[in-house]
Amino acid sequence: MASVKTICVYCGSSARVDEAYRTAATRLGTIFAKAGIGLVYGGGRVGLMGLMADAALAAGGRVTGIIPHHLHDREVGHGGLTEMILVDDMHIRKRRMFELSDAFVTLPGGLGTLDETMEILTWKQLGLHDKPIIVVNVGNYWAPLLELVDHAVTNGFAGREVRHFFRVVSTVEEVLPALAQMPEAAVPAAPNLA
């Protein structure tokens, strides 16, 4: 895990969620900061995104937000980050998040989180990267997604190897130990994600 210095986290922007998810986001931000790991995320100040960023900053961590102009203009962008990168659209946002990160973690979230997670898994399936991906299955939130992946494999739409593209843990406290057990990534210097 020596090469993992910055981790991208995909998570929800809703504040109307169970306290267990809110606590997990706060804890993960603190854990990363205390471990000296930089956080890259979608740049929001609301929901799990805001809680995680605030916790990382409060613990002395480095936090980089990447947000499209249209969301920043709606005043959902976090104003106190170490660095805020404004981009033109969601596609550029996801690419920059990829470029700045050594690994990826998914917390509970909605369609945006699902989109980001599926895209980073698809890029791995296509051989565009082999960076570690961890899904934090807080309260079994991601069970339907895991079942869907198995369903795709069972029905021949995905190879069995996709089950090994990511690791599943139950708590945020397991993220860094899980990363330490995963092989080092051998990422092309300039992967073609276009």
C-alpha atoms as a PDB file:
ATOM      1  CA  MET A   1       0.000   0.000   0.000  1.00  0.00           C
ATOM      2  CA  ALA A   2       3.061   2.229  -0.061  1.00  0.00           C
ATOM      3  CA  SER A   3       2.072   3.593  -3.454  1.00  0.00           C
ATOM      4  CA  VAL A   4      -1.438   4.594  -2.282  1.00  0.00           C
ATOM      5  CA  LYS A   5      -1.129   8.234  -1.321  1.00  0.00           C
ATOM      6  CA  THR A   6      -4.470   9.539  -2.581  1.00  0.00           C
ATOM      7  CA  ILE A   7      -7.828   7.757  -2.566  1.00  0.00           C
ATOM      8  CA  CYS A   8     -10.961   8.744  -4.441  1.00  0.00           C
ATOM      9  CA  VAL A   9     -14.209   8.168  -2.563  1.00  0.00           C
ATOM     10  CA  TYR A  10     -17.574   7.902  -4.280  1.00  0.00           C
ATOM     11  CA  CYS A  11     -20.495   8.580  -1.949  1.00  0.00           C
ATOM     12  CA  GLY A  12     -23.904  10.186  -1.696  1.00  0.00           C
ATOM     13  CA  SER A  13     -24.766  13.861  -1.462  1.00  0.00           C
ATOM     14  CA  SER A  14     -28.043  13.321   0.394  1.00  0.00           C
ATOM     15  CA  ALA A  15     -28.388  14.299   4.042  1.00  0.00           C
ATOM     16  CA  ARG A  16     -31.670  12.375   4.432  1.00  0.00           C
ATOM     17  CA  VAL A  17     -29.978   9.054   5.157  1.00  0.00           C
ATOM     18  CA  ASP A  18     -29.493   6.660   8.051  1.00  0.00           C
ATOM     19  CA  GLU A  19     -27.084   7.758  10.755  1.00  0.00           C
ATOM     20  CA  ALA A  20     -24.915   4.669  10.130  1.00  0.00           C
ATOM     21  CA  TYR A  21     -24.021   5.996   6.674  1.00  0.00           C
ATOM     22  CA  ARG A  22     -23.309   9.469   8.014  1.00  0.00           C
ATOM     23  CA  THR A  23     -21.066   8.034  10.737  1.00  0.00           C
ATOM     24  CA  ALA A  24     -19.200   5.889   8.203  1.00  0.00           C
ATOM     25  CA  ALA A  25     -18.456   8.906   5.997  1.00  0.00           C
ATOM     26  CA  THR A  26     -17.199  10.936   8.946  1.00  0.00           C
ATOM     27  CA  ARG A  27     -15.016   8.083  10.197  1.00  0.00           C
ATOM     28  CA  LEU A  28     -13.521   7.456   6.751  1.00  0.00           C
ATOM     29  CA  GLY A  29     -12.495  11.105   6.366  1.00  0.00           C
ATOM     30  CA  THR A  30     -10.806  10.988   9.772  1.00  0.00           C
ATOM     31  CA  ILE A  31      -9.091   7.657   9.055  1.00  0.00           C
ATOM     32  CA  PHE A  32      -7.605   8.912   5.800  1.00  0.00           C
ATOM     33  CA  ALA A  33      -6.358  12.145   7.360  1.00  0.00           C
ATOM     34  CA  LYS A  34      -4.725  10.350  10.290  1.00  0.00           C
ATOM     35  CA  ALA A  35      -3.040   7.932   7.885  1.00  0.00           C
ATOM     36  CA  GLY A  36      -1.704  10.798   5.768  1.00  0.00           C
ATOM     37  CA  ILE A  37      -3.786   9.776   2.760  1.00  0.00           C
ATOM     38  CA  GLY A  38      -5.183  12.517   0.565  1.00  0.00           C
ATOM     39  CA  LEU A  39      -8.896  12.431  -0.222  1.00  0.00           C
ATOM     40  CA  VAL A  40     -10.262  13.068  -3.701  1.00  0.00           C
ATOM     41  CA  TYR A  41     -14.030  13.330  -4.065  1.00  0.00           C
ATOM     42  CA  GLY A  42     -16.805  15.118  -5.917  1.00  0.00           C
ATOM     43  CA  GLY A  43     -16.335  18.464  -4.156  1.00  0.00           C
ATOM     44  CA  GLY A  44     -19.745  18.753  -2.495  1.00  0.00           C
ATOM     45  CA  ARG A  45     -20.484  20.282   0.888  1.00  0.00           C
ATOM     46  CA  VAL A  46     -23.714  18.337   1.436  1.00  0.00           C
ATOM     47  CA  GLY A  47     -24.617  14.815   2.498  1.00  0.00           C
ATOM     48  CA  LEU A  48     -21.998  12.133   3.038  1.00  0.00           C
ATOM     49  CA  MET A  49     -19.647  14.039   0.756  1.00  0.00           C
ATOM     50  CA  GLY A  50     -19.615  17.087   3.004  1.00  0.00           C
ATOM     51  CA  LEU A  51     -19.379  15.079   6.227  1.00  0.00           C
ATOM     52  CA  MET A  52     -16.403  13.103   4.939  1.00  0.00           C
ATOM     53  CA  ALA A  53     -14.569  16.193   3.671  1.00  0.00           C
ATOM     54  CA  ASP A  54     -15.217  18.129   6.892  1.00  0.00           C
ATOM     55  CA  ALA A  55     -13.918  15.239   9.004  1.00  0.00           C
ATOM     56  CA  ALA A  56     -10.759  14.871   6.915  1.00  0.00           C
ATOM     57  CA  LEU A  57     -10.072  18.611   7.091  1.00  0.00           C
ATOM     58  CA  ALA A  58     -10.735  18.708  10.848  1.00  0.00           C
ATOM     59  CA  ALA A  59      -8.146  15.952  11.319  1.00  0.00           C
ATOM     60  CA  GLY A  60      -5.555  17.857   9.274  1.00  0.00           C
ATOM     61  CA  GLY A  61      -6.012  15.968   6.003  1.00  0.00           C
ATOM     62  CA  ARG A  62      -5.611  17.056   2.391  1.00  0.00           C
ATOM     63  CA  VAL A  63      -8.892  17.167   0.481  1.00  0.00           C
ATOM     64  CA  THR A  64      -9.288  17.754  -3.241  1.00  0.00           C
ATOM     65  CA  GLY A  65     -12.749  18.319  -4.641  1.00  0.00           C
ATOM     66  CA  ILE A  66     -13.589  18.086  -8.331  1.00  0.00           C
ATOM     67  CA  ILE A  67     -16.889  19.611  -9.338  1.00  0.00           C
ATOM     68  CA  PRO A  68     -18.508  20.753 -12.579  1.00  0.00           C
ATOM     69  CA  HIS A  69     -19.292  24.457 -12.913  1.00  0.00           C
ATOM     70  CA  HIS A  70     -23.057  23.807 -13.050  1.00  0.00           C
ATOM     71  CA  LEU A  71     -23.025  22.166  -9.599  1.00  0.00           C
ATOM     72  CA  HIS A  72     -20.615  24.689  -8.122  1.00  0.00           C
ATOM     73  CA  ASP A  73     -22.834  27.521  -9.360  1.00  0.00           C
ATOM     74  CA  ARG A  74     -25.776  26.006  -7.459  1.00  0.00           C
ATOM     75  CA  GLU A  75     -23.692  26.553  -4.319  1.00  0.00           C
ATOM     76  CA  VAL A  76     -23.290  22.898  -3.474  1.00  0.00           C
ATOM     77  CA  GLY A  77     -19.501  23.096  -3.716  1.00  0.00           C
ATOM     78  CA  HIS A  78     -17.437  22.936  -0.513  1.00  0.00           C
ATOM     79  CA  GLY A  79     -15.757  26.258   0.188  1.00  0.00           C
ATOM     80  CA  GLY A  80     -13.001  25.138   2.560  1.00  0.00           C
ATOM     81  CA  LEU A  81     -11.104  22.396   0.744  1.00  0.00           C
ATOM     82  CA  THR A  82      -7.355  22.151   0.318  1.00  0.00           C
ATOM     83  CA  GLU A  83      -7.980  22.323  -3.428  1.00  0.00           C
ATOM     84  CA  MET A  84     -11.120  22.734  -5.525  1.00  0.00           C
ATOM     85  CA  ILE A  85     -10.926  21.889  -9.218  1.00  0.00           C
ATOM     86  CA  LEU A  86     -13.729  23.249 -11.407  1.00  0.00           C
ATOM     87  CA  VAL A  87     -14.396  21.334 -14.632  1.00  0.00           C
ATOM     88  CA  ASP A  88     -16.766  21.696 -17.553  1.00  0.00           C
ATOM     89  CA  ASP A  89     -18.790  18.508 -17.200  1.00  0.00           C
ATOM     90  CA  MET A  90     -19.351  15.232 -15.359  1.00  0.00           C
ATOM     91  CA  HIS A  91     -17.185  13.235 -17.779  1.00  0.00           C
ATOM     92  CA  ILE A  92     -14.166  15.440 -17.156  1.00  0.00           C
ATOM     93  CA  ARG A  93     -14.885  15.287 -13.426  1.00  0.00           C
ATOM     94  CA  LYS A  94     -14.721  11.486 -13.396  1.00  0.00           C
ATOM     95  CA  ARG A  95     -11.557  11.429 -15.492  1.00  0.00           C
ATOM     96  CA  ARG A  96      -9.788  13.928 -13.185  1.00  0.00           C
ATOM     97  CA  MET A  97     -10.869  11.939 -10.135  1.00  0.00           C
ATOM     98  CA  PHE A  98      -9.316   8.876 -11.776  1.00  0.00           C
ATOM     99  CA  GLU A  99      -6.083  10.659 -12.714  1.00  0.00           C
ATOM    100  CA  LEU A 100      -5.516  12.059  -9.213  1.00  0.00           C
ATOM    101  CA  SER A 101      -6.205   8.814  -7.329  1.00  0.00           C
ATOM    102  CA  ASP A 102      -4.242   5.676  -6.522  1.00  0.00           C
ATOM    103  CA  ALA A 103      -7.301   3.699  -5.360  1.00  0.00           C
ATOM    104  CA  PHE A 104     -11.088   3.975  -5.142  1.00  0.00           C
ATOM    105  CA  VAL A 105     -13.565   3.470  -2.319  1.00  0.00           C
ATOM    106  CA  THR A 106     -17.344   3.387  -2.634  1.00  0.00           C
ATOM    107  CA  LEU A 107     -19.571   4.305   0.309  1.00  0.00           C
ATOM    108  CA  PRO A 108     -23.379   4.201   0.153  1.00  0.00           C
ATOM    109  CA  GLY A 109     -24.893   6.601  -2.332  1.00  0.00           C
ATOM    110  CA  GLY A 110     -27.435   7.038  -5.087  1.00  0.00           C
ATOM    111  CA  LEU A 111     -27.354   7.008  -8.870  1.00  0.00           C
ATOM    112  CA  GLY A 112     -24.251   9.190  -9.137  1.00  0.00           C
ATOM    113  CA  THR A 113     -22.291   6.921  -6.808  1.00  0.00           C
ATOM    114  CA  LEU A 114     -23.539   3.883  -8.694  1.00  0.00           C
ATOM    115  CA  ASP A 115     -22.531   5.471 -12.014  1.00  0.00           C
ATOM    116  CA  GLU A 116     -19.022   6.307 -10.792  1.00  0.00           C
ATOM    117  CA  THR A 117     -18.509   2.859  -9.296  1.00  0.00           C
ATOM    118  CA  MET A 118     -19.702   1.019 -12.379  1.00  0.00           C
ATOM    119  CA  GLU A 119     -17.562   3.187 -14.649  1.00  0.00           C
ATOM    120  CA  ILE A 120     -14.360   2.609 -12.669  1.00  0.00           C
ATOM    121  CA  LEU A 121     -15.118  -1.140 -12.640  1.00  0.00           C
ATOM    122  CA  THR A 122     -15.776  -1.085 -16.383  1.00  0.00           C
ATOM    123  CA  TRP A 123     -12.487   0.721 -17.025  1.00  0.00           C
ATOM    124  CA  LYS A 124     -10.780  -2.023 -15.028  1.00  0.00           C
ATOM    125  CA  GLN A 125     -12.562  -4.712 -17.041  1.00  0.00           C
ATOM    126  CA  LEU A 126     -11.351  -3.019 -20.236  1.00  0.00           C
ATOM    127  CA  GLY A 127      -7.766  -3.076 -18.965  1.00  0.00           C
ATOM    128  CA  LEU A 128      -7.490   0.701 -18.689  1.00  0.00           C
ATOM    129  CA  HIS A 129      -6.253   0.477 -15.098  1.00  0.00           C
ATOM    130  CA  ASP A 130      -5.705  -1.976 -12.277  1.00  0.00           C
ATOM    131  CA  LYS A 131      -5.978   0.378  -9.326  1.00  0.00           C
ATOM    132  CA  PRO A 132      -7.572  -1.091  -6.187  1.00  0.00           C
ATOM    133  CA  ILE A 133     -11.329  -0.687  -5.737  1.00  0.00           C
ATOM    134  CA  ILE A 134     -13.074  -1.253  -2.407  1.00  0.00           C
ATOM    135  CA  VAL A 135     -16.821  -1.278  -1.828  1.00  0.00           C
ATOM    136  CA  VAL A 136     -17.806  -0.509   1.774  1.00  0.00           C
ATOM    137  CA  ASN A 137     -21.017  -2.453   2.321  1.00  0.00           C
ATOM    138  CA  VAL A 138     -22.240  -0.504   5.367  1.00  0.00           C
ATOM    139  CA  GLY A 139     -25.359  -2.170   6.755  1.00  0.00           C
ATOM    140  CA  ASN A 140     -25.422  -4.444   3.679  1.00  0.00           C
ATOM    141  CA  TYR A 141     -26.364  -1.405   1.546  1.00  0.00           C
ATOM    142  CA  TRP A 142     -24.623  -2.697  -1.577  1.00  0.00           C
ATOM    143  CA  ALA A 143     -26.029  -6.265  -1.390  1.00  0.00           C
ATOM    144  CA  PRO A 144     -28.305  -5.690  -4.439  1.00  0.00           C
ATOM    145  CA  LEU A 145     -25.322  -4.456  -6.491  1.00  0.00           C
ATOM    146  CA  LEU A 146     -23.236  -7.475  -5.491  1.00  0.00           C
ATOM    147  CA  GLU A 147     -26.136  -9.755  -6.418  1.00  0.00           C
ATOM    148  CA  LEU A 148     -26.439  -7.996  -9.785  1.00  0.00           C
ATOM    149  CA  VAL A 149     -22.740  -8.542 -10.512  1.00  0.00           C
ATOM    150  CA  ASP A 150     -23.157 -12.241  -9.695  1.00  0.00           C
ATOM    151  CA  HIS A 151     -26.291 -12.323 -11.872  1.00  0.00           C
ATOM    152  CA  ALA A 152     -24.349 -10.867 -14.817  1.00  0.00           C
ATOM    153  CA  VAL A 153     -21.618 -13.491 -14.343  1.00  0.00           C
ATOM    154  CA  THR A 154     -24.114 -16.354 -13.990  1.00  0.00           C
ATOM    155  CA  ASN A 155     -25.858 -15.296 -17.192  1.00  0.00           C
ATOM    156  CA  GLY A 156     -22.649 -14.965 -19.202  1.00  0.00           C
ATOM    157  CA  PHE A 157     -22.615 -11.176 -19.554  1.00  0.00           C
ATOM    158  CA  ALA A 158     -19.452 -10.822 -17.460  1.00  0.00           C
ATOM    159  CA  GLY A 159     -16.544 -13.147 -16.808  1.00  0.00           C
ATOM    160  CA  ARG A 160     -15.903 -14.634 -13.387  1.00  0.00           C
ATOM    161  CA  GLU A 161     -12.825 -12.453 -13.067  1.00  0.00           C
ATOM    162  CA  VAL A 162     -14.988  -9.356 -12.467  1.00  0.00           C
ATOM    163  CA  ARG A 163     -15.703 -10.634  -8.973  1.00  0.00           C
ATOM    164  CA  HIS A 164     -12.003 -10.057  -8.253  1.00  0.00           C
ATOM    165  CA  PHE A 165     -11.892  -6.500  -9.615  1.00  0.00           C
ATOM    166  CA  PHE A 166     -12.990  -5.129  -6.264  1.00  0.00           C
ATOM    167  CA  ARG A 167     -12.913  -6.020  -2.614  1.00  0.00           C
ATOM    168  CA  VAL A 168     -15.933  -5.770  -0.301  1.00  0.00           C
ATOM    169  CA  VAL A 169     -15.625  -4.760   3.352  1.00  0.00           C
ATOM    170  CA  SER A 170     -18.333  -4.083   5.919  1.00  0.00           C
ATOM    171  CA  THR A 171     -16.842  -1.116   7.763  1.00  0.00           C
ATOM    172  CA  VAL A 172     -14.651   1.872   6.956  1.00  0.00           C
ATOM    173  CA  GLU A 173     -12.143   0.641   9.527  1.00  0.00           C
ATOM    174  CA  GLU A 174     -11.418  -2.292   7.190  1.00  0.00           C
ATOM    175  CA  VAL A 175     -10.556  -0.119   4.156  1.00  0.00           C
ATOM    176  CA  LEU A 176      -6.859   0.535   4.795  1.00  0.00           C
ATOM    177  CA  PRO A 177      -6.106  -3.041   5.988  1.00  0.00           C
ATOM    178  CA  ALA A 178      -7.853  -4.357   2.854  1.00  0.00           C
ATOM    179  CA  LEU A 179      -5.794  -2.031   0.646  1.00  0.00           C
ATOM    180  CA  ALA A 180      -2.616  -3.227   2.340  1.00  0.00           C
ATOM    181  CA  GLN A 181      -3.461  -6.804   1.288  1.00  0.00           C
ATOM    182  CA  MET A 182      -4.177  -5.930  -2.352  1.00  0.00           C
ATOM    183  CA  PRO A 183      -1.456  -6.123  -5.010  1.00  0.00           C
ATOM    184  CA  GLU A 184       0.268  -2.957  -6.143  1.00  0.00           C
ATOM    185  CA  ALA A 185      -1.268  -1.415  -9.242  1.00  0.00           C
ATOM    186  CA  ALA A 186       0.689  -1.359 -12.482  1.00  0.00           C
ATOM    187  CA  VAL A 187      -1.106   1.490 -14.218  1.00  0.00           C
ATOM    188  CA  PRO A 188      -0.138   2.686 -17.693  1.00  0.00           C
ATOM    189  CA  ALA A 189       1.513   6.084 -17.530  1.00  0.00           C
ATOM    190  CA  ALA A 190      -1.203   7.679 -19.670  1.00  0.00           C
ATOM    191  CA  PRO A 191      -4.198   5.382 -20.035  1.00  0.00           C
ATOM    192  CA  ASN A 192      -6.483   6.175 -22.933  1.00  0.00           C
ATOM    193  CA  LEU A 193      -9.859   6.697 -21.277  1.00  0.00           C
ATOM    194  CA  ALA A 194     -11.405   8.573 -24.181  1.00  0.00           C
END
